[in-house]
PDB file of all heavy atoms in Angstrom:
ATOM      1  N   VAL A   1     143.350 -18.571-128.836  1.00  0.00           N
ATOM      2  CA  VAL A   1     143.798 -19.630-129.843  1.00  0.00           C
ATOM      3  C   VAL A   1     145.282 -19.869-129.658  1.00  0.00           C
ATOM      4  O   VAL A   1     145.730 -21.006-129.756  1.00  0.00           O
ATOM      5  CB  VAL A   1     143.468 -19.148-131.264  1.00  0.00           C
ATOM      6  CG1 VAL A   1     144.087 -20.119-132.273  1.00  0.00           C
ATOM      7  CG2 VAL A   1     141.990 -19.076-131.492  1.00  0.00           C
ATOM      8  N   GLY A   2     146.059 -18.825-129.430  1.00  0.00           N
ATOM      9  CA  GLY A   2     147.498 -19.015-129.195  1.00  0.00           C
ATOM     10  C   GLY A   2     147.808 -19.866-127.987  1.00  0.00           C
ATOM     11  O   GLY A   2     148.698 -20.685-127.982  1.00  0.00           O
ATOM     12  N   ASP A   3     146.997 -19.675-126.913  1.00  0.00           N
ATOM     13  CA  ASP A   3     147.152 -20.503-125.681  1.00  0.00           C
ATOM     14  C   ASP A   3     146.883 -21.958-126.012  1.00  0.00           C
ATOM     15  O   ASP A   3     147.628 -22.852-125.553  1.00  0.00           O
ATOM     16  CB  ASP A   3     146.211 -20.009-124.562  1.00  0.00           C
ATOM     17  CG  ASP A   3     146.630 -18.631-124.037  1.00  0.00           C
ATOM     18  OD1 ASP A   3     147.786 -18.257-124.298  1.00  0.00           O
ATOM     19  OD2 ASP A   3     145.789 -17.981-123.384  1.00  0.00           O
ATOM     20  N   ILE A   4     145.829 -22.232-126.736  1.00  0.00           N
ATOM     21  CA  ILE A   4     145.529 -23.632-127.108  1.00  0.00           C
ATOM     22  C   ILE A   4     146.636 -24.222-127.931  1.00  0.00           C
ATOM     23  O   ILE A   4     147.031 -25.371-127.789  1.00  0.00           O
ATOM     24  CB  ILE A   4     144.152 -23.687-127.823  1.00  0.00           C
ATOM     25  CG1 ILE A   4     143.038 -23.227-126.909  1.00  0.00           C
ATOM     26  CG2 ILE A   4     143.885 -25.103-128.334  1.00  0.00           C
ATOM     27  CD1 ILE A   4     141.696 -23.107-127.583  1.00  0.00           C
ATOM     28  N   SER A   5     147.166 -23.391-128.852  1.00  0.00           N
ATOM     29  CA  SER A   5     148.248 -23.862-129.737  1.00  0.00           C
ATOM     30  C   SER A   5     149.459 -24.224-128.946  1.00  0.00           C
ATOM     31  O   SER A   5     150.127 -25.252-129.167  1.00  0.00           O
ATOM     32  CB  SER A   5     148.558 -22.774-130.805  1.00  0.00           C
ATOM     33  OG  SER A   5     149.684 -23.147-131.547  1.00  0.00           O
ATOM     34  N   THR A   6     149.775 -23.371-127.916  1.00  0.00           N
ATOM     35  CA  THR A   6     150.915 -23.634-127.101  1.00  0.00           C
ATOM     36  C   THR A   6     150.792 -24.915-126.287  1.00  0.00           C
ATOM     37  O   THR A   6     151.707 -25.731-126.109  1.00  0.00           O
ATOM     38  CB  THR A   6     151.191 -22.438-126.180  1.00  0.00           C
ATOM     39  OG1 THR A   6     151.376 -21.278-126.997  1.00  0.00           O
ATOM     40  CG2 THR A   6     152.461 -22.665-125.350  1.00  0.00           C
ATOM     41  N   GLU A   7     149.571 -25.114-125.708  1.00  0.00           N
ATOM     42  CA  GLU A   7     149.329 -26.237-124.835  1.00  0.00           C
ATOM     43  C   GLU A   7     149.377 -27.567-125.639  1.00  0.00           C
ATOM     44  O   GLU A   7     149.814 -28.600-125.151  1.00  0.00           O
ATOM     45  CB  GLU A   7     147.970 -26.100-124.192  1.00  0.00           C
ATOM     46  CG  GLU A   7     147.919 -24.957-123.159  1.00  0.00           C
ATOM     47  CD  GLU A   7     146.522 -24.719-122.628  1.00  0.00           C
ATOM     48  OE1 GLU A   7     145.611 -25.525-123.045  1.00  0.00           O
ATOM     49  OE2 GLU A   7     146.287 -23.737-121.888  1.00  0.00           O
ATOM     50  N   THR A   8     148.817 -27.551-126.872  1.00  0.00           N
ATOM     51  CA  THR A   8     148.696 -28.793-127.672  1.00  0.00           C
ATOM     52  C   THR A   8     149.830 -29.035-128.594  1.00  0.00           C
ATOM     53  O   THR A   8     150.000 -30.131-129.141  1.00  0.00           O
ATOM     54  CB  THR A   8     147.370 -28.796-128.452  1.00  0.00           C
ATOM     55  OG1 THR A   8     147.390 -27.656-129.324  1.00  0.00           O
ATOM     56  CG2 THR A   8     146.178 -28.661-127.494  1.00  0.00           C
ATOM     57  N   GLY A   9     150.604 -27.998-128.902  1.00  0.00           N
ATOM     58  CA  GLY A   9     151.711 -28.117-129.836  1.00  0.00           C
ATOM     59  C   GLY A   9     151.313 -28.159-131.283  1.00  0.00           C
ATOM     60  O   GLY A   9     152.133 -28.639-132.150  1.00  0.00           O
ATOM     61  N   VAL A  10     150.088 -27.695-131.607  1.00  0.00           N
ATOM     62  CA  VAL A  10     149.651 -27.700-133.034  1.00  0.00           C
ATOM     63  C   VAL A  10     149.685 -26.241-133.519  1.00  0.00           C
ATOM     64  O   VAL A  10     149.883 -25.325-132.793  1.00  0.00           O
ATOM     65  CB  VAL A  10     148.230 -28.304-133.176  1.00  0.00           C
ATOM     66  CG1 VAL A  10     148.246 -29.736-132.699  1.00  0.00           C
ATOM     67  CG2 VAL A  10     147.220 -27.493-132.375  1.00  0.00           C
ATOM     68  N   SER A  11     149.476 -26.095-134.816  1.00  0.00           N
ATOM     69  CA  SER A  11     149.442 -24.754-135.409  1.00  0.00           C
ATOM     70  C   SER A  11     148.205 -23.986-134.895  1.00  0.00           C
ATOM     71  O   SER A  11     147.249 -24.587-134.447  1.00  0.00           O
ATOM     72  CB  SER A  11     149.398 -24.832-136.940  1.00  0.00           C
ATOM     73  OG  SER A  11     148.146 -25.393-137.362  1.00  0.00           O
ATOM     74  N   GLU A  12     148.271 -22.663-135.002  1.00  0.00           N
ATOM     75  CA  GLU A  12     147.201 -21.840-134.548  1.00  0.00           C
ATOM     76  C   GLU A  12     145.903 -22.124-135.383  1.00  0.00           C
ATOM     77  O   GLU A  12     144.803 -22.096-134.833  1.00  0.00           O
ATOM     78  CB  GLU A  12     147.531 -20.342-134.645  1.00  0.00           C
ATOM     79  CG  GLU A  12     148.599 -19.927-133.637  1.00  0.00           C
ATOM     80  CD  GLU A  12     148.773 -18.430-133.594  1.00  0.00           C
ATOM     81  OE1 GLU A  12     148.088 -17.747-134.377  1.00  0.00           O
ATOM     82  OE2 GLU A  12     149.592 -17.954-132.835  1.00  0.00           O
ATOM     83  N   GLU A  13     146.048 -22.424-136.661  1.00  0.00           N
ATOM     84  CA  GLU A  13     144.902 -22.751-137.473  1.00  0.00           C
ATOM     85  C   GLU A  13     144.242 -24.040-137.015  1.00  0.00           C
ATOM     86  O   GLU A  13     143.002 -24.090-136.867  1.00  0.00           O
ATOM     87  CB  GLU A  13     145.303 -22.840-138.924  1.00  0.00           C
ATOM     88  CG  GLU A  13     144.138 -23.152-139.888  1.00  0.00           C
ATOM     89  CD  GLU A  13     144.590 -23.208-141.344  1.00  0.00           C
ATOM     90  OE1 GLU A  13     145.791 -22.994-141.612  1.00  0.00           O
ATOM     91  OE2 GLU A  13     143.760 -23.548-142.180  1.00  0.00           O
ATOM     92  N   THR A  14     145.056 -24.991-136.713  1.00  0.00           N
ATOM     93  CA  THR A  14     144.540 -26.226-136.198  1.00  0.00           C
ATOM     94  C   THR A  14     143.905 -26.096-134.803  1.00  0.00           C
ATOM     95  O   THR A  14     142.878 -26.664-134.512  1.00  0.00           O
ATOM     96  CB  THR A  14     145.651 -27.324-136.165  1.00  0.00           C
ATOM     97  OG1 THR A  14     146.224 -27.450-137.466  1.00  0.00           O
ATOM     98  CG2 THR A  14     145.106 -28.640-135.709  1.00  0.00           C
ATOM     99  N   ALA A  15     144.564 -25.230-134.028  1.00  0.00           N
ATOM    100  CA  ALA A  15     144.050 -24.989-132.689  1.00  0.00           C
ATOM    101  C   ALA A  15     142.672 -24.340-132.758  1.00  0.00           C
ATOM    102  O   ALA A  15     141.804 -24.680-131.950  1.00  0.00           O
ATOM    103  CB  ALA A  15     145.020 -24.055-131.918  1.00  0.00           C
ATOM    104  N   ALA A  16     142.496 -23.447-133.709  1.00  0.00           N
ATOM    105  CA  ALA A  16     141.144 -22.795-133.827  1.00  0.00           C
ATOM    106  C   ALA A  16     140.102 -23.858-134.225  1.00  0.00           C
ATOM    107  O   ALA A  16     138.971 -23.778-133.743  1.00  0.00           O
ATOM    108  CB  ALA A  16     141.224 -21.695-134.875  1.00  0.00           C
ATOM    109  N   LYS A  17     140.487 -24.810-135.062  1.00  0.00           N
ATOM    110  CA  LYS A  17     139.546 -25.859-135.462  1.00  0.00           C
ATOM    111  C   LYS A  17     139.248 -26.839-134.356  1.00  0.00           C
ATOM    112  O   LYS A  17     138.151 -27.310-134.179  1.00  0.00           O
ATOM    113  CB  LYS A  17     140.090 -26.628-136.685  1.00  0.00           C
ATOM    114  CG  LYS A  17     140.177 -25.770-137.959  1.00  0.00           C
ATOM    115  CD  LYS A  17     140.769 -26.571-139.083  1.00  0.00           C
ATOM    116  CE  LYS A  17     140.879 -25.754-140.363  1.00  0.00           C
ATOM    117  NZ  LYS A  17     141.429 -26.507-141.512  1.00  0.00           N
ATOM    118  N   LEU A  18     140.281 -27.107-133.565  1.00  0.00           N
ATOM    119  CA  LEU A  18     140.142 -28.085-132.453  1.00  0.00           C
ATOM    120  C   LEU A  18     139.503 -27.521-131.215  1.00  0.00           C
ATOM    121  O   LEU A  18     139.121 -28.205-130.314  1.00  0.00           O
ATOM    122  CB  LEU A  18     141.504 -28.674-132.106  1.00  0.00           C
ATOM    123  CG  LEU A  18     142.221 -29.566-133.174  1.00  0.00           C
ATOM    124  CD1 LEU A  18     143.613 -29.920-132.671  1.00  0.00           C
ATOM    125  CD2 LEU A  18     141.394 -30.805-133.454  1.00  0.00           C
ATOM    126  N   SER A  19     139.422 -26.158-131.204  1.00  0.00           N
ATOM    127  CA  SER A  19     138.969 -25.518-129.942  1.00  0.00           C
ATOM    128  C   SER A  19     137.569 -25.878-129.566  1.00  0.00           C
ATOM    129  O   SER A  19     137.170 -25.803-128.395  1.00  0.00           O
ATOM    130  CB  SER A  19     139.025 -23.980-130.111  1.00  0.00           C
ATOM    131  OG  SER A  19     138.186 -23.572-131.175  1.00  0.00           O
ATOM    132  N   GLY A  20     136.751 -26.346-130.524  1.00  0.00           N
ATOM    133  CA  GLY A  20     135.372 -26.803-130.179  1.00  0.00           C
ATOM    134  C   GLY A  20     135.254 -28.241-129.860  1.00  0.00           C
ATOM    135  O   GLY A  20     134.165 -28.770-129.719  1.00  0.00           O
ATOM    136  N   HIS A  21     136.372 -29.003-129.736  1.00  0.00           N
ATOM    137  CA  HIS A  21     136.303 -30.456-129.551  1.00  0.00           C
ATOM    138  C   HIS A  21     136.900 -30.952-128.211  1.00  0.00           C
ATOM    139  O   HIS A  21     137.224 -32.097-128.043  1.00  0.00           O
ATOM    140  CB  HIS A  21     137.026 -31.169-130.706  1.00  0.00           C
ATOM    141  CG  HIS A  21     136.389 -30.877-132.019  1.00  0.00           C
ATOM    142  ND1 HIS A  21     135.200 -31.452-132.449  1.00  0.00           N
ATOM    143  CD2 HIS A  21     136.781 -30.053-133.029  1.00  0.00           C
ATOM    144  CE1 HIS A  21     134.885 -30.986-133.618  1.00  0.00           C
ATOM    145  NE2 HIS A  21     135.819 -30.174-134.037  1.00  0.00           N
ATOM    146  N   SER A  22     137.106 -30.025-127.295  1.00  0.00           N
ATOM    147  CA  SER A  22     137.660 -30.413-126.002  1.00  0.00           C
ATOM    148  C   SER A  22     137.054 -29.527-124.912  1.00  0.00           C
ATOM    149  O   SER A  22     136.464 -28.536-125.205  1.00  0.00           O
ATOM    150  CB  SER A  22     139.192 -30.268-125.995  1.00  0.00           C
ATOM    151  OG  SER A  22     139.569 -28.905-126.154  1.00  0.00           O
ATOM    152  N   ALA A  23     137.249 -29.938-123.728  1.00  0.00           N
ATOM    153  CA  ALA A  23     136.674 -29.141-122.620  1.00  0.00           C
ATOM    154  C   ALA A  23     137.229 -27.751-122.621  1.00  0.00           C
ATOM    155  O   ALA A  23     136.513 -26.759-122.501  1.00  0.00           O
ATOM    156  CB  ALA A  23     137.019 -29.836-121.241  1.00  0.00           C
ATOM    157  N   SER A  24     138.616 -27.634-122.717  1.00  0.00           N
ATOM    158  CA  SER A  24     139.180 -26.296-122.751  1.00  0.00           C
ATOM    159  C   SER A  24     138.824 -25.616-124.056  1.00  0.00           C
ATOM    160  O   SER A  24     138.686 -24.381-124.105  1.00  0.00           O
ATOM    161  CB  SER A  24     140.726 -26.377-122.606  1.00  0.00           C
ATOM    162  OG  SER A  24     141.219 -27.164-123.685  1.00  0.00           O
ATOM    163  N   GLY A  25     138.685 -26.396-125.087  1.00  0.00           N
ATOM    164  CA  GLY A  25     138.307 -25.833-126.386  1.00  0.00           C
ATOM    165  C   GLY A  25     136.944 -25.253-126.395  1.00  0.00           C
ATOM    166  O   GLY A  25     136.675 -24.254-127.051  1.00  0.00           O
ATOM    167  N   LYS A  26     136.010 -25.884-125.654  1.00  0.00           N
ATOM    168  CA  LYS A  26     134.647 -25.364-125.603  1.00  0.00           C
ATOM    169  C   LYS A  26     134.624 -23.954-124.988  1.00  0.00           C
ATOM    170  O   LYS A  26     133.903 -23.050-125.442  1.00  0.00           O
ATOM    171  CB  LYS A  26     133.739 -26.276-124.833  1.00  0.00           C
ATOM    172  CG  LYS A  26     133.445 -27.615-125.561  1.00  0.00           C
ATOM    173  CD  LYS A  26     132.585 -28.514-124.728  1.00  0.00           C
ATOM    174  CE  LYS A  26     132.348 -29.841-125.502  1.00  0.00           C
ATOM    175  NZ  LYS A  26     131.591 -30.838-124.645  1.00  0.00           N
ATOM    176  N   THR A  27     135.385 -23.779-123.948  1.00  0.00           N
ATOM    177  CA  THR A  27     135.487 -22.426-123.324  1.00  0.00           C
ATOM    178  C   THR A  27     136.058 -21.446-124.310  1.00  0.00           C
ATOM    179  O   THR A  27     135.594 -20.306-124.417  1.00  0.00           O
ATOM    180  CB  THR A  27     136.386 -22.514-122.080  1.00  0.00           C
ATOM    181  OG1 THR A  27     135.887 -23.484-121.189  1.00  0.00           O
ATOM    182  CG2 THR A  27     136.466 -21.171-121.404  1.00  0.00           C
ATOM    183  N   ALA A  28     137.109 -21.871-125.036  1.00  0.00           N
ATOM    184  CA  ALA A  28     137.714 -20.984-126.038  1.00  0.00           C
ATOM    185  C   ALA A  28     136.704 -20.651-127.112  1.00  0.00           C
ATOM    186  O   ALA A  28     136.631 -19.530-127.578  1.00  0.00           O
ATOM    187  CB  ALA A  28     138.948 -21.597-126.614  1.00  0.00           C
ATOM    188  N   ALA A  29     135.964 -21.639-127.537  1.00  0.00           N
ATOM    189  CA  ALA A  29     135.036 -21.447-128.621  1.00  0.00           C
ATOM    190  C   ALA A  29     134.007 -20.397-128.278  1.00  0.00           C
ATOM    191  O   ALA A  29     133.588 -19.607-129.103  1.00  0.00           O
ATOM    192  CB  ALA A  29     134.324 -22.759-128.986  1.00  0.00           C
ATOM    193  N   LYS A  30     133.548 -20.416-127.045  1.00  0.00           N
ATOM    194  CA  LYS A  30     132.554 -19.408-126.611  1.00  0.00           C
ATOM    195  C   LYS A  30     133.124 -18.036-126.773  1.00  0.00           C
ATOM    196  O   LYS A  30     132.448 -17.092-127.174  1.00  0.00           O
ATOM    197  CB  LYS A  30     132.132 -19.679-125.174  1.00  0.00           C
ATOM    198  CG  LYS A  30     131.292 -20.951-125.002  1.00  0.00           C
ATOM    199  CD  LYS A  30     130.927 -21.133-123.549  1.00  0.00           C
ATOM    200  CE  LYS A  30     130.130 -22.438-123.372  1.00  0.00           C
ATOM    201  NZ  LYS A  30     129.786 -22.692-121.949  1.00  0.00           N
ATOM    202  N   LYS A  31     134.356 -17.837-126.425  1.00  0.00           N
ATOM    203  CA  LYS A  31     134.976 -16.530-126.557  1.00  0.00           C
ATOM    204  C   LYS A  31     135.287 -16.148-127.978  1.00  0.00           C
ATOM    205  O   LYS A  31     135.158 -15.015-128.355  1.00  0.00           O
ATOM    206  CB  LYS A  31     136.252 -16.504-125.700  1.00  0.00           C
ATOM    207  CG  LYS A  31     135.958 -16.629-124.218  1.00  0.00           C
ATOM    208  CD  LYS A  31     137.174 -16.297-123.389  1.00  0.00           C
ATOM    209  CE  LYS A  31     136.807 -16.350-121.884  1.00  0.00           C
ATOM    210  NZ  LYS A  31     137.986 -15.970-121.020  1.00  0.00           N
ATOM    211  N   ILE A  32     135.619 -17.136-128.823  1.00  0.00           N
ATOM    212  CA  ILE A  32     135.906 -16.867-130.200  1.00  0.00           C
ATOM    213  C   ILE A  32     134.657 -16.324-130.919  1.00  0.00           C
ATOM    214  O   ILE A  32     134.781 -15.499-131.757  1.00  0.00           O
ATOM    215  CB  ILE A  32     136.439 -18.165-130.895  1.00  0.00           C
ATOM    216  CG1 ILE A  32     137.854 -18.443-130.388  1.00  0.00           C
ATOM    217  CG2 ILE A  32     136.438 -18.006-132.406  1.00  0.00           C
ATOM    218  CD1 ILE A  32     138.405 -19.777-130.879  1.00  0.00           C
TER     219      ILE A  32
END
């Protein structure tokens, strides 16, 4: 989640929510 937050420039909470709405996010979601 921290990696997604760094890449997108959003908060970690928002990154966790957005992780299921993008290609990279789908990969992250599987691990979450």
